N, C-alpha and C. Protein backbone atom coordinates (compact mmCIF):
# COMPACT_ATOMS: atom_id res chain seq x y z
N MET A 1 -19.60 -1.79 -30.32
CA MET A 1 -20.03 -0.96 -31.50
C MET A 1 -18.75 -0.49 -32.18
N TYR A 2 -18.70 -0.63 -33.56
CA TYR A 2 -17.57 -0.27 -34.32
C TYR A 2 -17.71 1.19 -34.75
N GLN A 3 -16.59 1.88 -34.58
CA GLN A 3 -16.54 3.29 -35.11
C GLN A 3 -15.28 3.44 -35.95
N GLU A 4 -15.48 4.16 -37.10
CA GLU A 4 -14.35 4.43 -38.00
C GLU A 4 -13.41 5.35 -37.34
N ALA A 5 -12.10 5.01 -37.50
CA ALA A 5 -11.11 5.86 -37.08
C ALA A 5 -10.82 7.06 -37.95
N LEU A 6 -10.50 8.21 -37.36
CA LEU A 6 -10.13 9.37 -38.17
C LEU A 6 -8.60 9.47 -38.08
N ILE A 7 -7.98 9.77 -39.23
CA ILE A 7 -6.59 9.90 -39.26
C ILE A 7 -6.26 11.29 -39.74
N LYS A 8 -5.35 12.01 -39.07
CA LYS A 8 -4.92 13.38 -39.48
C LYS A 8 -3.49 13.11 -40.13
N LEU A 9 -3.48 13.38 -41.42
CA LEU A 9 -2.22 13.30 -42.17
C LEU A 9 -1.46 14.56 -42.16
N SER A 10 -0.18 14.43 -42.15
CA SER A 10 0.66 15.62 -42.29
C SER A 10 1.25 15.67 -43.69
N SER A 11 0.73 16.65 -44.52
CA SER A 11 1.22 16.78 -45.85
C SER A 11 2.73 17.05 -45.92
N ASP A 12 3.30 17.59 -44.90
CA ASP A 12 4.77 17.92 -44.84
C ASP A 12 5.63 16.59 -44.84
N THR A 13 4.98 15.46 -44.47
CA THR A 13 5.69 14.22 -44.34
C THR A 13 5.61 13.36 -45.59
N ILE A 14 4.86 13.78 -46.61
CA ILE A 14 4.68 12.97 -47.84
C ILE A 14 6.07 12.89 -48.56
N ARG A 15 6.52 11.67 -48.79
CA ARG A 15 7.85 11.42 -49.41
C ARG A 15 7.70 10.38 -50.53
N THR A 16 8.65 10.39 -51.40
CA THR A 16 8.77 9.30 -52.29
C THR A 16 10.25 8.78 -52.30
N GLY A 17 10.41 7.55 -52.53
CA GLY A 17 11.85 7.02 -52.49
C GLY A 17 11.74 5.51 -52.69
N ASN A 18 12.90 4.89 -52.37
CA ASN A 18 13.06 3.42 -52.51
C ASN A 18 13.24 2.82 -51.11
N TYR A 19 12.13 2.56 -50.43
CA TYR A 19 12.21 2.11 -49.08
C TYR A 19 12.18 0.53 -48.97
N ILE A 20 12.56 0.05 -47.86
CA ILE A 20 12.52 -1.34 -47.59
C ILE A 20 11.16 -1.95 -47.83
N GLY A 21 11.10 -3.17 -48.41
CA GLY A 21 9.89 -3.83 -48.72
C GLY A 21 9.14 -3.31 -49.89
N GLY A 22 9.80 -2.61 -50.83
CA GLY A 22 9.22 -2.11 -52.03
C GLY A 22 8.30 -0.86 -51.85
N ILE A 23 8.41 -0.27 -50.69
CA ILE A 23 7.59 0.92 -50.41
C ILE A 23 8.15 2.07 -51.27
N THR A 24 7.20 2.76 -51.99
CA THR A 24 7.71 3.86 -52.86
C THR A 24 7.29 5.15 -52.31
N TYR A 25 6.15 5.29 -51.62
CA TYR A 25 5.55 6.52 -51.11
C TYR A 25 5.30 6.32 -49.64
N THR A 26 5.52 7.42 -48.85
CA THR A 26 5.22 7.39 -47.47
C THR A 26 4.54 8.67 -47.05
N VAL A 27 3.82 8.58 -45.91
CA VAL A 27 3.18 9.74 -45.32
C VAL A 27 3.06 9.47 -43.77
N GLY A 28 3.11 10.44 -42.96
CA GLY A 28 2.95 10.34 -41.56
C GLY A 28 1.61 10.90 -41.11
N GLY A 29 1.15 10.46 -40.01
CA GLY A 29 -0.11 10.98 -39.57
C GLY A 29 -0.38 10.54 -38.06
N LYS A 30 -1.46 10.87 -37.59
CA LYS A 30 -1.87 10.52 -36.18
C LYS A 30 -3.38 10.05 -36.19
N LEU A 31 -3.66 9.12 -35.33
CA LEU A 31 -4.96 8.66 -35.16
C LEU A 31 -5.73 9.71 -34.24
N VAL A 32 -6.94 10.12 -34.61
CA VAL A 32 -7.67 11.08 -33.75
C VAL A 32 -8.71 10.34 -32.95
N HIS A 33 -8.67 10.53 -31.67
CA HIS A 33 -9.64 9.95 -30.74
C HIS A 33 -11.01 10.66 -30.94
N ASP A 34 -12.00 9.79 -31.15
CA ASP A 34 -13.35 10.43 -31.47
C ASP A 34 -13.91 11.09 -30.28
N SER A 35 -13.64 10.60 -29.12
CA SER A 35 -14.36 11.08 -27.91
C SER A 35 -14.00 12.56 -27.57
N ASP A 36 -12.66 12.88 -27.72
CA ASP A 36 -12.18 14.21 -27.37
C ASP A 36 -11.38 14.93 -28.36
N GLY A 37 -11.15 14.23 -29.52
CA GLY A 37 -10.40 14.89 -30.58
C GLY A 37 -8.88 14.94 -30.32
N SER A 38 -8.41 14.24 -29.24
CA SER A 38 -6.94 14.31 -29.01
C SER A 38 -6.22 13.31 -30.00
N LEU A 39 -5.00 13.51 -30.20
CA LEU A 39 -4.16 12.73 -31.15
C LEU A 39 -3.47 11.62 -30.41
N ALA A 40 -3.42 10.48 -31.02
CA ALA A 40 -2.77 9.30 -30.50
C ALA A 40 -1.35 9.21 -31.06
N ASN A 41 -0.68 8.10 -30.81
CA ASN A 41 0.66 7.89 -31.35
C ASN A 41 0.75 8.14 -32.82
N PRO A 42 1.94 8.40 -33.28
CA PRO A 42 2.17 8.70 -34.73
C PRO A 42 1.99 7.43 -35.55
N LEU A 43 1.49 7.56 -36.76
CA LEU A 43 1.37 6.54 -37.77
C LEU A 43 2.18 6.77 -39.00
N SER A 44 2.79 5.78 -39.51
CA SER A 44 3.42 5.95 -40.80
C SER A 44 2.76 5.04 -41.85
N TYR A 45 2.35 5.60 -42.94
CA TYR A 45 1.74 4.79 -43.97
C TYR A 45 2.77 4.72 -45.17
N GLY A 46 2.84 3.52 -45.76
CA GLY A 46 3.66 3.32 -46.86
C GLY A 46 2.86 2.66 -47.98
N PHE A 47 3.27 2.92 -49.25
CA PHE A 47 2.56 2.38 -50.36
C PHE A 47 3.46 1.80 -51.42
N SER A 48 3.14 0.66 -51.97
CA SER A 48 3.92 0.12 -53.08
C SER A 48 2.87 -0.08 -54.21
N ILE A 49 3.42 -0.14 -55.47
CA ILE A 49 2.54 -0.19 -56.62
C ILE A 49 3.00 -1.35 -57.57
N PRO A 50 2.96 -2.61 -57.05
CA PRO A 50 3.34 -3.66 -58.00
C PRO A 50 2.25 -3.94 -59.05
N ASN A 51 2.70 -4.05 -60.28
CA ASN A 51 1.77 -4.31 -61.41
C ASN A 51 0.59 -3.31 -61.38
N ASP A 52 0.87 -2.00 -61.15
CA ASP A 52 -0.22 -0.98 -61.17
C ASP A 52 -1.27 -1.25 -60.20
N ASN A 53 -1.04 -1.95 -59.08
CA ASN A 53 -1.99 -2.27 -58.07
C ASN A 53 -1.54 -1.68 -56.73
N LEU A 54 -2.25 -0.73 -56.20
CA LEU A 54 -1.91 -0.05 -54.93
C LEU A 54 -1.94 -1.01 -53.75
N GLU A 55 -0.89 -1.08 -52.98
CA GLU A 55 -0.85 -1.82 -51.70
C GLU A 55 -0.47 -0.89 -50.63
N GLY A 56 -1.22 -0.87 -49.49
CA GLY A 56 -0.95 0.05 -48.45
C GLY A 56 -0.48 -0.71 -47.17
N TYR A 57 0.38 -0.03 -46.38
CA TYR A 57 0.96 -0.61 -45.28
C TYR A 57 1.07 0.50 -44.16
N THR A 58 1.10 0.04 -42.89
CA THR A 58 1.51 0.91 -41.79
C THR A 58 2.79 0.31 -41.12
N PHE A 59 3.59 1.22 -40.66
CA PHE A 59 4.87 0.79 -40.05
C PHE A 59 4.70 0.44 -38.66
N ASN A 60 5.03 -0.81 -38.31
CA ASN A 60 4.89 -1.35 -36.95
C ASN A 60 6.14 -0.99 -36.24
N ARG A 61 6.16 -0.08 -35.33
CA ARG A 61 7.30 0.34 -34.59
C ARG A 61 7.85 -0.72 -33.59
N THR A 62 6.97 -1.65 -33.14
CA THR A 62 7.36 -2.60 -32.31
C THR A 62 8.29 -3.64 -32.94
N ASN A 63 7.98 -4.12 -34.19
CA ASN A 63 8.80 -5.18 -34.80
C ASN A 63 9.63 -4.61 -36.00
N GLY A 64 9.43 -3.32 -36.28
CA GLY A 64 10.26 -2.70 -37.38
C GLY A 64 9.92 -3.18 -38.77
N HIS A 65 8.64 -3.56 -38.94
CA HIS A 65 8.23 -4.12 -40.29
C HIS A 65 6.99 -3.32 -40.78
N TRP A 66 6.74 -3.39 -42.04
CA TRP A 66 5.49 -2.82 -42.65
C TRP A 66 4.42 -3.86 -42.58
N ASP A 67 3.23 -3.53 -42.04
CA ASP A 67 2.06 -4.43 -42.03
C ASP A 67 1.06 -3.98 -42.97
N SER A 68 0.43 -4.95 -43.63
CA SER A 68 -0.64 -4.60 -44.63
C SER A 68 -1.84 -3.94 -43.95
N VAL A 69 -2.42 -3.06 -44.74
CA VAL A 69 -3.76 -2.48 -44.24
C VAL A 69 -4.81 -2.91 -45.23
N SER A 70 -6.08 -2.74 -44.90
CA SER A 70 -7.17 -3.10 -45.85
C SER A 70 -7.09 -2.23 -47.13
N LYS A 71 -7.64 -2.72 -48.19
CA LYS A 71 -7.69 -1.92 -49.41
C LYS A 71 -8.45 -0.62 -49.20
N ALA A 72 -9.56 -0.67 -48.37
CA ALA A 72 -10.41 0.47 -48.16
C ALA A 72 -9.57 1.56 -47.44
N GLU A 73 -8.76 1.14 -46.45
CA GLU A 73 -7.99 2.14 -45.69
C GLU A 73 -6.88 2.66 -46.58
N ALA A 74 -6.21 1.83 -47.28
CA ALA A 74 -5.11 2.22 -48.22
C ALA A 74 -5.67 3.27 -49.23
N LEU A 75 -6.76 2.97 -49.83
CA LEU A 75 -7.31 3.94 -50.86
C LEU A 75 -7.74 5.23 -50.22
N SER A 76 -8.26 5.19 -49.00
CA SER A 76 -8.65 6.41 -48.33
C SER A 76 -7.53 7.25 -48.03
N VAL A 77 -6.43 6.77 -47.52
CA VAL A 77 -5.23 7.54 -47.23
C VAL A 77 -4.54 8.03 -48.56
N TRP A 78 -4.52 7.10 -49.52
CA TRP A 78 -3.89 7.41 -50.76
C TRP A 78 -4.65 8.67 -51.46
N ASN A 79 -5.96 8.53 -51.52
CA ASN A 79 -6.72 9.61 -52.13
C ASN A 79 -6.60 10.88 -51.40
N ALA A 80 -6.45 10.85 -50.09
CA ALA A 80 -6.16 12.06 -49.28
C ALA A 80 -4.83 12.67 -49.59
N MET A 81 -3.90 11.84 -49.96
CA MET A 81 -2.50 12.31 -50.24
C MET A 81 -2.41 12.93 -51.60
N LYS A 82 -3.14 12.49 -52.59
CA LYS A 82 -3.01 12.90 -53.97
C LYS A 82 -2.97 14.44 -54.15
N PRO A 83 -3.80 15.26 -53.66
CA PRO A 83 -3.72 16.71 -53.95
C PRO A 83 -2.42 17.31 -53.41
N TYR A 84 -1.97 16.78 -52.36
CA TYR A 84 -0.67 17.31 -51.81
C TYR A 84 0.53 16.83 -52.61
N MET A 85 0.40 15.66 -53.15
CA MET A 85 1.54 15.18 -53.97
C MET A 85 1.51 15.97 -55.30
N ARG A 86 0.38 16.32 -55.84
CA ARG A 86 0.32 17.24 -57.05
C ARG A 86 0.99 18.57 -56.68
N GLN A 87 0.72 19.14 -55.58
CA GLN A 87 1.24 20.42 -55.10
C GLN A 87 2.79 20.33 -55.01
N LYS A 88 3.30 19.16 -54.59
CA LYS A 88 4.69 19.05 -54.33
C LYS A 88 5.45 18.53 -55.62
N GLY A 89 4.63 18.26 -56.68
CA GLY A 89 5.27 17.82 -57.90
C GLY A 89 5.77 16.30 -57.83
N ILE A 90 5.15 15.58 -57.01
CA ILE A 90 5.43 14.12 -56.84
C ILE A 90 4.65 13.37 -57.84
N TYR A 91 5.28 12.65 -58.69
CA TYR A 91 4.50 11.94 -59.76
C TYR A 91 3.86 10.67 -59.16
N PHE A 92 2.71 10.41 -59.59
CA PHE A 92 1.91 9.15 -59.32
C PHE A 92 1.00 8.86 -60.41
N GLY A 93 0.77 7.61 -60.67
CA GLY A 93 -0.18 7.23 -61.78
C GLY A 93 -1.57 7.27 -61.38
N GLU A 94 -2.45 7.81 -62.20
CA GLU A 94 -3.87 7.87 -61.91
C GLU A 94 -4.55 6.57 -62.17
N SER A 95 -3.89 5.64 -62.91
CA SER A 95 -4.54 4.36 -63.21
C SER A 95 -4.44 3.37 -62.02
N TRP A 96 -3.67 3.70 -60.98
CA TRP A 96 -3.53 2.74 -59.87
C TRP A 96 -4.84 2.51 -59.19
N LYS A 97 -5.12 1.31 -58.80
CA LYS A 97 -6.41 0.96 -58.16
C LYS A 97 -6.15 0.56 -56.73
């Protein structure tokens, strides 16, 4: 049986910069276990915006590379980040899909 994962993002970790692989925005978080609400290993999400098209990644600590995530996962995390980016004065384009 498939269950959606819950991810707890840390707004304090939202950053913008010029990271390896064209990553422009990053945020940290943790996966929440559905059964007991405990937090799993840390996650790092990264986003690039080539040609105004949002692409999402997670950082694979094992191989040291950014791995692609589904469009649905990327948009979910991205949309959760937007209010905090506004509060921090971090620019992002609203036209990105």
